Amino acid sequence: MIDLYFWPTPNGWKISIALEEMGLPYETHLVDIGKGEQFQPEFLKISPNNRMPAIIDRDGPDGEPVSIFESGAILQYLARKTGQFYGETERDRIAVDEWLFWQVGGLGPMAGQAHHFLKYAPKLEPSQDLPYAKDRYRAETGRLYGVMDRRLAENRYLAGDFYSIADMASWGWASLWEGQEQTLDDKPNLKRWLDELGERPAVKAGRALAAEKRNDNSSRDAQKHLFKR
């Protein structure tokens, strides 16, 4: 049994999707980031960077419990534990790691900043409607989607011809392309990939986890906890 510390965001979906894909039993512990629950001492023991998702695997290495934070590290651990979605050769694993790190170091942060400056910052009090920031992160997110589209023109999935944890990491953020003010009109391969993954039962189940809790976090209290305002 794995304890999943989760909130329905693109980063949380990475792990809920992976657990569903891998067929691992898990118990969900909601961490309401709009209420500041990520700063509770109990959670900080598991995730010292006060970010979710995080997990505790009750059957960790040598049969002892282990806690893991950072979505990329969790995905790698789960893939090693189950022997799934990491390819079959060392070259496969290199490709998976490349695209997984590309997501956690590039697509996730840039798309997250696009969401922040396009959706949240203008609603702050006082408003922070910053054209330079909006243009910068909108453009950088678009550039990264171009990288994805070109990769997917030559490969069915990000790491090659096999579905992997790199795809699970990227799908949630990419599925929100409209909120990032992007277009798929010139990215047919990205659209094909999004549609194909979106039809996978495990992706649907992971995306649906606690979906009723998802909101725009635009209240003053949520802003205080999320953006320290």
C-alpha atoms as a PDB file:
ATOM      1  CA  MET A   1       0.000   0.000   0.000  1.00  0.00           C
ATOM      2  CA  ILE A   2       1.274   3.443  -0.944  1.00  0.00           C
ATOM      3  CA  ASP A   3       0.178   6.632   0.806  1.00  0.00           C
ATOM      4  CA  LEU A   4      -0.302   9.347  -1.804  1.00  0.00           C
ATOM      5  CA  TYR A   5      -0.204  12.967  -0.623  1.00  0.00           C
ATOM      6  CA  PHE A   6      -2.088  14.698  -3.377  1.00  0.00           C
ATOM      7  CA  TRP A   7      -4.018  17.661  -4.687  1.00  0.00           C
ATOM      8  CA  PRO A   8      -5.626  17.690  -8.164  1.00  0.00           C
ATOM      9  CA  THR A   9      -3.013  19.679 -10.073  1.00  0.00           C
ATOM     10  CA  PRO A  10      -0.816  18.704 -13.033  1.00  0.00           C
ATOM     11  CA  ASN A  11       1.982  17.722 -10.656  1.00  0.00           C
ATOM     12  CA  GLY A  12      -0.383  15.620  -8.562  1.00  0.00           C
ATOM     13  CA  TRP A  13      -1.797  13.937 -11.668  1.00  0.00           C
ATOM     14  CA  LYS A  14       1.644  12.614 -12.580  1.00  0.00           C
ATOM     15  CA  ILE A  15       1.595  10.273  -9.614  1.00  0.00           C
ATOM     16  CA  SER A  16      -2.104   9.390  -9.533  1.00  0.00           C
ATOM     17  CA  ILE A  17      -1.820   8.419 -13.213  1.00  0.00           C
ATOM     18  CA  ALA A  18       1.339   6.388 -12.580  1.00  0.00           C
ATOM     19  CA  LEU A  19      -0.212   4.507  -9.672  1.00  0.00           C
ATOM     20  CA  GLU A  20      -3.250   3.694 -11.788  1.00  0.00           C
ATOM     21  CA  GLU A  21      -1.126   2.637 -14.764  1.00  0.00           C
ATOM     22  CA  MET A  22       1.069   0.420 -12.586  1.00  0.00           C
ATOM     23  CA  GLY A  23      -1.837  -1.166 -10.751  1.00  0.00           C
ATOM     24  CA  LEU A  24      -0.438  -0.261  -7.342  1.00  0.00           C
ATOM     25  CA  PRO A  25      -2.832  -0.008  -4.388  1.00  0.00           C
ATOM     26  CA  TYR A  26      -2.786   3.418  -2.779  1.00  0.00           C
ATOM     27  CA  GLU A  27      -4.530   5.510  -0.167  1.00  0.00           C
ATOM     28  CA  THR A  28      -5.080   9.181  -0.955  1.00  0.00           C
ATOM     29  CA  HIS A  29      -4.326  11.909   1.581  1.00  0.00           C
ATOM     30  CA  LEU A  30      -5.508  15.276   0.271  1.00  0.00           C
ATOM     31  CA  VAL A  31      -3.189  18.238   0.833  1.00  0.00           C
ATOM     32  CA  ASP A  32      -5.277  21.370   0.228  1.00  0.00           C
ATOM     33  CA  ILE A  33      -2.668  23.790  -1.069  1.00  0.00           C
ATOM     34  CA  GLY A  34      -5.211  26.623  -1.149  1.00  0.00           C
ATOM     35  CA  LYS A  35      -5.599  26.306   2.615  1.00  0.00           C
ATOM     36  CA  GLY A  36      -1.887  26.016   3.332  1.00  0.00           C
ATOM     37  CA  GLU A  37      -1.933  22.361   4.385  1.00  0.00           C
ATOM     38  CA  GLN A  38       1.394  21.866   2.587  1.00  0.00           C
ATOM     39  CA  PHE A  39       3.027  23.823   5.412  1.00  0.00           C
ATOM     40  CA  GLN A  40       1.824  21.540   8.190  1.00  0.00           C
ATOM     41  CA  PRO A  41       4.713  19.994  10.181  1.00  0.00           C
ATOM     42  CA  GLU A  42       3.475  16.469   9.505  1.00  0.00           C
ATOM     43  CA  PHE A  43       3.614  17.025   5.758  1.00  0.00           C
ATOM     44  CA  LEU A  44       6.978  18.819   5.886  1.00  0.00           C
ATOM     45  CA  LYS A  45       8.495  15.671   7.377  1.00  0.00           C
ATOM     46  CA  ILE A  46       7.636  13.944   4.116  1.00  0.00           C
ATOM     47  CA  SER A  47       8.096  16.849   1.710  1.00  0.00           C
ATOM     48  CA  PRO A  48      10.529  19.415   3.161  1.00  0.00           C
ATOM     49  CA  ASN A  49      10.067  21.713   0.157  1.00  0.00           C
ATOM     50  CA  ASN A  50       6.351  22.055   1.068  1.00  0.00           C
ATOM     51  CA  ARG A  51       5.236  20.808  -2.329  1.00  0.00           C
ATOM     52  CA  MET A  52       3.021  17.930  -3.267  1.00  0.00           C
ATOM     53  CA  PRO A  53       2.878  15.225  -4.492  1.00  0.00           C
ATOM     54  CA  ALA A  54       4.731  12.998  -2.088  1.00  0.00           C
ATOM     55  CA  ILE A  55       4.394   9.343  -1.209  1.00  0.00           C
ATOM     56  CA  ILE A  56       5.144   6.900   1.545  1.00  0.00           C
ATOM     57  CA  ASP A  57       5.695   3.349   0.337  1.00  0.00           C
ATOM     58  CA  ARG A  58       4.966   1.115   3.280  1.00  0.00           C
ATOM     59  CA  ASP A  59       6.846  -1.694   1.514  1.00  0.00           C
ATOM     60  CA  GLY A  60       9.990   0.187   0.545  1.00  0.00           C
ATOM     61  CA  PRO A  61      13.561  -1.030   0.103  1.00  0.00           C
ATOM     62  CA  ASP A  62      14.344  -4.019   2.321  1.00  0.00           C
ATOM     63  CA  GLY A  63      10.672  -4.119   3.289  1.00  0.00           C
ATOM     64  CA  GLU A  64      10.923  -0.899   5.289  1.00  0.00           C
ATOM     65  CA  PRO A  65       8.769   2.215   4.714  1.00  0.00           C
ATOM     66  CA  VAL A  66      10.262   5.028   2.640  1.00  0.00           C
ATOM     67  CA  SER A  67       8.995   8.544   1.946  1.00  0.00           C
ATOM     68  CA  ILE A  68       9.735  10.296  -1.344  1.00  0.00           C
ATOM     69  CA  PHE A  69       9.100  13.850  -2.494  1.00  0.00           C
ATOM     70  CA  GLU A  70       9.584  15.465  -5.946  1.00  0.00           C
ATOM     71  CA  SER A  71       7.424  14.063  -8.705  1.00  0.00           C
ATOM     72  CA  GLY A  72      10.309  13.004 -10.950  1.00  0.00           C
ATOM     73  CA  ALA A  73      11.975  11.051  -8.163  1.00  0.00           C
ATOM     74  CA  ILE A  74       8.668   9.393  -7.303  1.00  0.00           C
ATOM     75  CA  LEU A  75       8.099   8.347 -10.909  1.00  0.00           C
ATOM     76  CA  GLN A  76      11.581   6.884 -11.221  1.00  0.00           C
ATOM     77  CA  TYR A  77      11.174   4.989  -7.948  1.00  0.00           C
ATOM     78  CA  LEU A  78       7.799   3.546  -8.905  1.00  0.00           C
ATOM     79  CA  ALA A  79       9.065   2.534 -12.348  1.00  0.00           C
ATOM     80  CA  ARG A  80      12.055   0.757 -10.802  1.00  0.00           C
ATOM     81  CA  LYS A  81       9.887  -0.866  -8.133  1.00  0.00           C
ATOM     82  CA  THR A  82       7.420  -2.309 -10.624  1.00  0.00           C
ATOM     83  CA  GLY A  83       9.684  -2.787 -13.634  1.00  0.00           C
ATOM     84  CA  GLN A  84       7.154  -0.891 -15.740  1.00  0.00           C
ATOM     85  CA  PHE A  85       7.151   2.137 -18.056  1.00  0.00           C
ATOM     86  CA  TYR A  86      10.942   2.625 -18.016  1.00  0.00           C
ATOM     87  CA  GLY A  87      11.810   0.794 -21.229  1.00  0.00           C
ATOM     88  CA  GLU A  88      13.682  -2.457 -21.636  1.00  0.00           C
ATOM     89  CA  THR A  89      17.255  -1.347 -22.355  1.00  0.00           C
ATOM     90  CA  GLU A  90      19.727   1.153 -20.970  1.00  0.00           C
ATOM     91  CA  ARG A  91      19.231   3.284 -24.086  1.00  0.00           C
ATOM     92  CA  ASP A  92      15.497   3.271 -23.381  1.00  0.00           C
ATOM     93  CA  ARG A  93      16.102   4.416 -19.810  1.00  0.00           C
ATOM     94  CA  ILE A  94      18.416   7.182 -20.979  1.00  0.00           C
ATOM     95  CA  ALA A  95      15.682   8.494 -23.281  1.00  0.00           C
ATOM     96  CA  VAL A  96      13.078   8.264 -20.514  1.00  0.00           C
ATOM     97  CA  ASP A  97      15.326  10.187 -18.128  1.00  0.00           C
ATOM     98  CA  GLU A  98      16.056  12.847 -20.743  1.00  0.00           C
ATOM     99  CA  TRP A  99      12.387  13.586 -21.337  1.00  0.00           C
ATOM    100  CA  LEU A 100      11.429  13.220 -17.690  1.00  0.00           C
ATOM    101  CA  PHE A 101      14.064  15.763 -16.670  1.00  0.00           C
ATOM    102  CA  TRP A 102      13.019  17.955 -19.605  1.00  0.00           C
ATOM    103  CA  GLN A 103       9.537  18.022 -18.123  1.00  0.00           C
ATOM    104  CA  VAL A 104      10.442  18.630 -14.475  1.00  0.00           C
ATOM    105  CA  GLY A 105      13.070  21.248 -15.355  1.00  0.00           C
ATOM    106  CA  GLY A 106      11.376  22.890 -18.323  1.00  0.00           C
ATOM    107  CA  LEU A 107       7.790  22.259 -19.314  1.00  0.00           C
ATOM    108  CA  GLY A 108       6.381  22.129 -15.780  1.00  0.00           C
ATOM    109  CA  PRO A 109       8.023  25.311 -14.449  1.00  0.00           C
ATOM    110  CA  MET A 110       7.458  27.320 -17.636  1.00  0.00           C
ATOM    111  CA  ALA A 111       3.824  26.260 -18.070  1.00  0.00           C
ATOM    112  CA  GLY A 112       3.313  26.916 -14.353  1.00  0.00           C
ATOM    113  CA  GLN A 113       4.666  30.442 -14.726  1.00  0.00           C
ATOM    114  CA  ALA A 114       2.440  30.962 -17.759  1.00  0.00           C
ATOM    115  CA  HIS A 115      -0.577  29.959 -15.689  1.00  0.00           C
ATOM    116  CA  HIS A 116       0.513  32.258 -12.876  1.00  0.00           C
ATOM    117  CA  PHE A 117       1.073  35.403 -14.904  1.00  0.00           C
ATOM    118  CA  LEU A 118      -1.809  34.865 -17.336  1.00  0.00           C
ATOM    119  CA  LYS A 119      -4.490  33.731 -14.864  1.00  0.00           C
ATOM    120  CA  TYR A 120      -3.571  34.520 -11.266  1.00  0.00           C
ATOM    121  CA  ALA A 121      -1.336  37.594 -11.195  1.00  0.00           C
ATOM    122  CA  PRO A 122      -3.909  39.936 -12.804  1.00  0.00           C
ATOM    123  CA  LYS A 123      -6.381  38.980 -10.034  1.00  0.00           C
ATOM    124  CA  LEU A 124      -4.018  39.776  -7.171  1.00  0.00           C
ATOM    125  CA  GLU A 125      -4.608  42.826  -5.000  1.00  0.00           C
ATOM    126  CA  PRO A 126      -3.068  45.028  -6.179  1.00  0.00           C
ATOM    127  CA  SER A 127      -3.228  43.559  -9.674  1.00  0.00           C
ATOM    128  CA  GLN A 128       0.015  42.343 -11.206  1.00  0.00           C
ATOM    129  CA  ASP A 129      -0.919  42.400 -14.874  1.00  0.00           C
ATOM    130  CA  LEU A 130       2.587  42.298 -16.322  1.00  0.00           C
ATOM    131  CA  PRO A 131       2.776  42.209 -20.147  1.00  0.00           C
ATOM    132  CA  TYR A 132       6.478  41.292 -20.214  1.00  0.00           C
ATOM    133  CA  ALA A 133       6.029  38.296 -17.914  1.00  0.00           C
ATOM    134  CA  LYS A 134       2.905  37.168 -19.769  1.00  0.00           C
ATOM    135  CA  ASP A 135       4.636  37.380 -23.135  1.00  0.00           C
ATOM    136  CA  ARG A 136       7.801  35.686 -21.900  1.00  0.00           C
ATOM    137  CA  TYR A 137       6.165  32.638 -20.344  1.00  0.00           C
ATOM    138  CA  ARG A 138       3.519  32.291 -23.027  1.00  0.00           C
ATOM    139  CA  ALA A 139       6.253  32.270 -25.668  1.00  0.00           C
ATOM    140  CA  GLU A 140       8.552  29.894 -23.774  1.00  0.00           C
ATOM    141  CA  THR A 141       5.715  27.461 -23.178  1.00  0.00           C
ATOM    142  CA  GLY A 142       4.902  27.600 -26.875  1.00  0.00           C
ATOM    143  CA  ARG A 143       8.537  26.921 -27.731  1.00  0.00           C
ATOM    144  CA  LEU A 144       8.529  23.836 -25.498  1.00  0.00           C
ATOM    145  CA  TYR A 145       5.355  22.538 -27.121  1.00  0.00           C
ATOM    146  CA  GLY A 146       7.133  22.955 -30.437  1.00  0.00           C
ATOM    147  CA  VAL A 147       9.954  20.771 -29.107  1.00  0.00           C
ATOM    148  CA  MET A 148       7.376  18.153 -28.120  1.00  0.00           C
ATOM    149  CA  ASP A 149       5.635  18.286 -31.472  1.00  0.00           C
ATOM    150  CA  ARG A 150       8.863  17.748 -33.390  1.00  0.00           C
ATOM    151  CA  ARG A 151       9.832  14.851 -31.134  1.00  0.00           C
ATOM    152  CA  LEU A 152       6.408  13.263 -31.512  1.00  0.00           C
ATOM    153  CA  ALA A 153       6.593  13.609 -35.295  1.00  0.00           C
ATOM    154  CA  GLU A 154       9.283  10.912 -35.217  1.00  0.00           C
ATOM    155  CA  ASN A 155       8.182   8.891 -32.191  1.00  0.00           C
ATOM    156  CA  ARG A 156       4.841   7.665 -30.943  1.00  0.00           C
ATOM    157  CA  TYR A 157       5.787   8.652 -27.385  1.00  0.00           C
ATOM    158  CA  LEU A 158       8.343  10.977 -25.877  1.00  0.00           C
ATOM    159  CA  ALA A 159      11.012   8.356 -25.141  1.00  0.00           C
ATOM    160  CA  GLY A 160      10.432   6.375 -28.329  1.00  0.00           C
ATOM    161  CA  ASP A 161       7.944   3.727 -29.408  1.00  0.00           C
ATOM    162  CA  PHE A 162       6.948   2.844 -25.818  1.00  0.00           C
ATOM    163  CA  TYR A 163       4.752   4.633 -23.286  1.00  0.00           C
ATOM    164  CA  SER A 164       6.738   5.703 -20.226  1.00  0.00           C
ATOM    165  CA  ILE A 165       6.822   7.764 -17.058  1.00  0.00           C
ATOM    166  CA  ALA A 166       8.049  10.672 -19.202  1.00  0.00           C
ATOM    167  CA  ASP A 167       4.669  10.737 -20.941  1.00  0.00           C
ATOM    168  CA  MET A 168       2.848  10.531 -17.600  1.00  0.00           C
ATOM    169  CA  ALA A 169       4.872  13.477 -16.323  1.00  0.00           C
ATOM    170  CA  SER A 170       4.117  15.676 -19.328  1.00  0.00           C
ATOM    171  CA  TRP A 171       0.487  14.921 -20.120  1.00  0.00           C
ATOM    172  CA  GLY A 172      -1.132  16.845 -17.261  1.00  0.00           C
ATOM    173  CA  TRP A 173       0.607  20.112 -18.015  1.00  0.00           C
ATOM    174  CA  ALA A 174       0.181  19.765 -21.773  1.00  0.00           C
ATOM    175  CA  SER A 175      -3.519  18.965 -21.381  1.00  0.00           C
ATOM    176  CA  LEU A 176      -3.997  22.510 -20.034  1.00  0.00           C
ATOM    177  CA  TRP A 177      -2.625  24.180 -23.163  1.00  0.00           C
ATOM    178  CA  GLU A 178      -5.687  26.401 -23.583  1.00  0.00           C
ATOM    179  CA  GLY A 179      -5.185  28.040 -20.179  1.00  0.00           C
ATOM    180  CA  GLN A 180      -1.595  28.729 -21.197  1.00  0.00           C
ATOM    181  CA  GLU A 181      -2.936  30.561 -24.274  1.00  0.00           C
ATOM    182  CA  GLN A 182      -1.422  28.078 -26.722  1.00  0.00           C
ATOM    183  CA  THR A 183      -2.623  26.577 -29.984  1.00  0.00           C
ATOM    184  CA  LEU A 184      -2.451  23.061 -31.377  1.00  0.00           C
ATOM    185  CA  ASP A 185      -3.314  24.123 -34.913  1.00  0.00           C
ATOM    186  CA  ASP A 186       0.341  23.917 -35.902  1.00  0.00           C
ATOM    187  CA  LYS A 187       1.186  20.973 -33.606  1.00  0.00           C
ATOM    188  CA  PRO A 188      -0.651  17.932 -35.009  1.00  0.00           C
ATOM    189  CA  ASN A 189       1.692  15.418 -33.393  1.00  0.00           C
ATOM    190  CA  LEU A 190       1.221  16.914 -29.937  1.00  0.00           C
ATOM    191  CA  LYS A 191      -2.536  16.870 -30.474  1.00  0.00           C
ATOM    192  CA  ARG A 192      -2.425  13.213 -31.510  1.00  0.00           C
ATOM    193  CA  TRP A 193      -0.407  12.336 -28.399  1.00  0.00           C
ATOM    194  CA  LEU A 194      -2.698  14.297 -26.083  1.00  0.00           C
ATOM    195  CA  ASP A 195      -5.779  12.621 -27.511  1.00  0.00           C
ATOM    196  CA  GLU A 196      -4.289   9.128 -27.368  1.00  0.00           C
ATOM    197  CA  LEU A 197      -3.111   9.416 -23.773  1.00  0.00           C
ATOM    198  CA  GLY A 198      -6.327  11.100 -22.723  1.00  0.00           C
ATOM    199  CA  GLU A 199      -8.253   7.970 -23.716  1.00  0.00           C
ATOM    200  CA  ARG A 200      -6.203   5.629 -21.546  1.00  0.00           C
ATOM    201  CA  PRO A 201      -8.351   4.343 -18.647  1.00  0.00           C
ATOM    202  CA  ALA A 202      -5.584   4.927 -16.104  1.00  0.00           C
ATOM    203  CA  VAL A 203      -5.053   8.496 -17.292  1.00  0.00           C
ATOM    204  CA  LYS A 204      -8.770   9.153 -16.985  1.00  0.00           C
ATOM    205  CA  ALA A 205      -8.815   7.652 -13.476  1.00  0.00           C
ATOM    206  CA  GLY A 206      -5.744   9.559 -12.317  1.00  0.00           C
ATOM    207  CA  ARG A 207      -7.103  12.809 -13.713  1.00  0.00           C
ATOM    208  CA  ALA A 208     -10.478  12.232 -12.037  1.00  0.00           C
ATOM    209  CA  LEU A 209      -9.019  11.713  -8.546  1.00  0.00           C
ATOM    210  CA  ALA A 210     -10.560  14.370  -6.264  1.00  0.00           C
ATOM    211  CA  ALA A 211     -11.470  16.384  -9.366  1.00  0.00           C
ATOM    212  CA  GLU A 212     -14.356  17.971  -7.466  1.00  0.00           C
ATOM    213  CA  LYS A 213     -11.776  19.713  -5.243  1.00  0.00           C
ATOM    214  CA  ARG A 214     -10.102  21.504  -8.130  1.00  0.00           C
ATOM    215  CA  ASN A 215     -10.710  25.270  -8.245  1.00  0.00           C
ATOM    216  CA  ASP A 216      -9.063  28.422  -9.526  1.00  0.00           C
ATOM    217  CA  ASN A 217      -7.443  29.362  -6.189  1.00  0.00           C
ATOM    218  CA  SER A 218      -8.312  33.005  -6.791  1.00  0.00           C
ATOM    219  CA  SER A 219      -9.553  33.793  -3.291  1.00  0.00           C
ATOM    220  CA  ARG A 220      -7.499  36.048  -1.037  1.00  0.00           C
ATOM    221  CA  ASP A 221      -6.868  33.191   1.404  1.00  0.00           C
ATOM    222  CA  ALA A 222      -5.665  30.886  -1.357  1.00  0.00           C
ATOM    223  CA  GLN A 223      -3.393  33.584  -2.740  1.00  0.00           C
ATOM    224  CA  LYS A 224      -1.927  34.138   0.698  1.00  0.00           C
ATOM    225  CA  HIS A 225      -0.977  30.478   1.004  1.00  0.00           C
ATOM    226  CA  LEU A 226       0.069  29.874  -2.584  1.00  0.00           C
ATOM    227  CA  PHE A 227       1.841  33.125  -3.353  1.00  0.00           C
ATOM    228  CA  LYS A 228       2.666  34.405   0.146  1.00  0.00           C
ATOM    229  CA  ARG A 229       0.608  37.564  -0.324  1.00  0.00           C
END
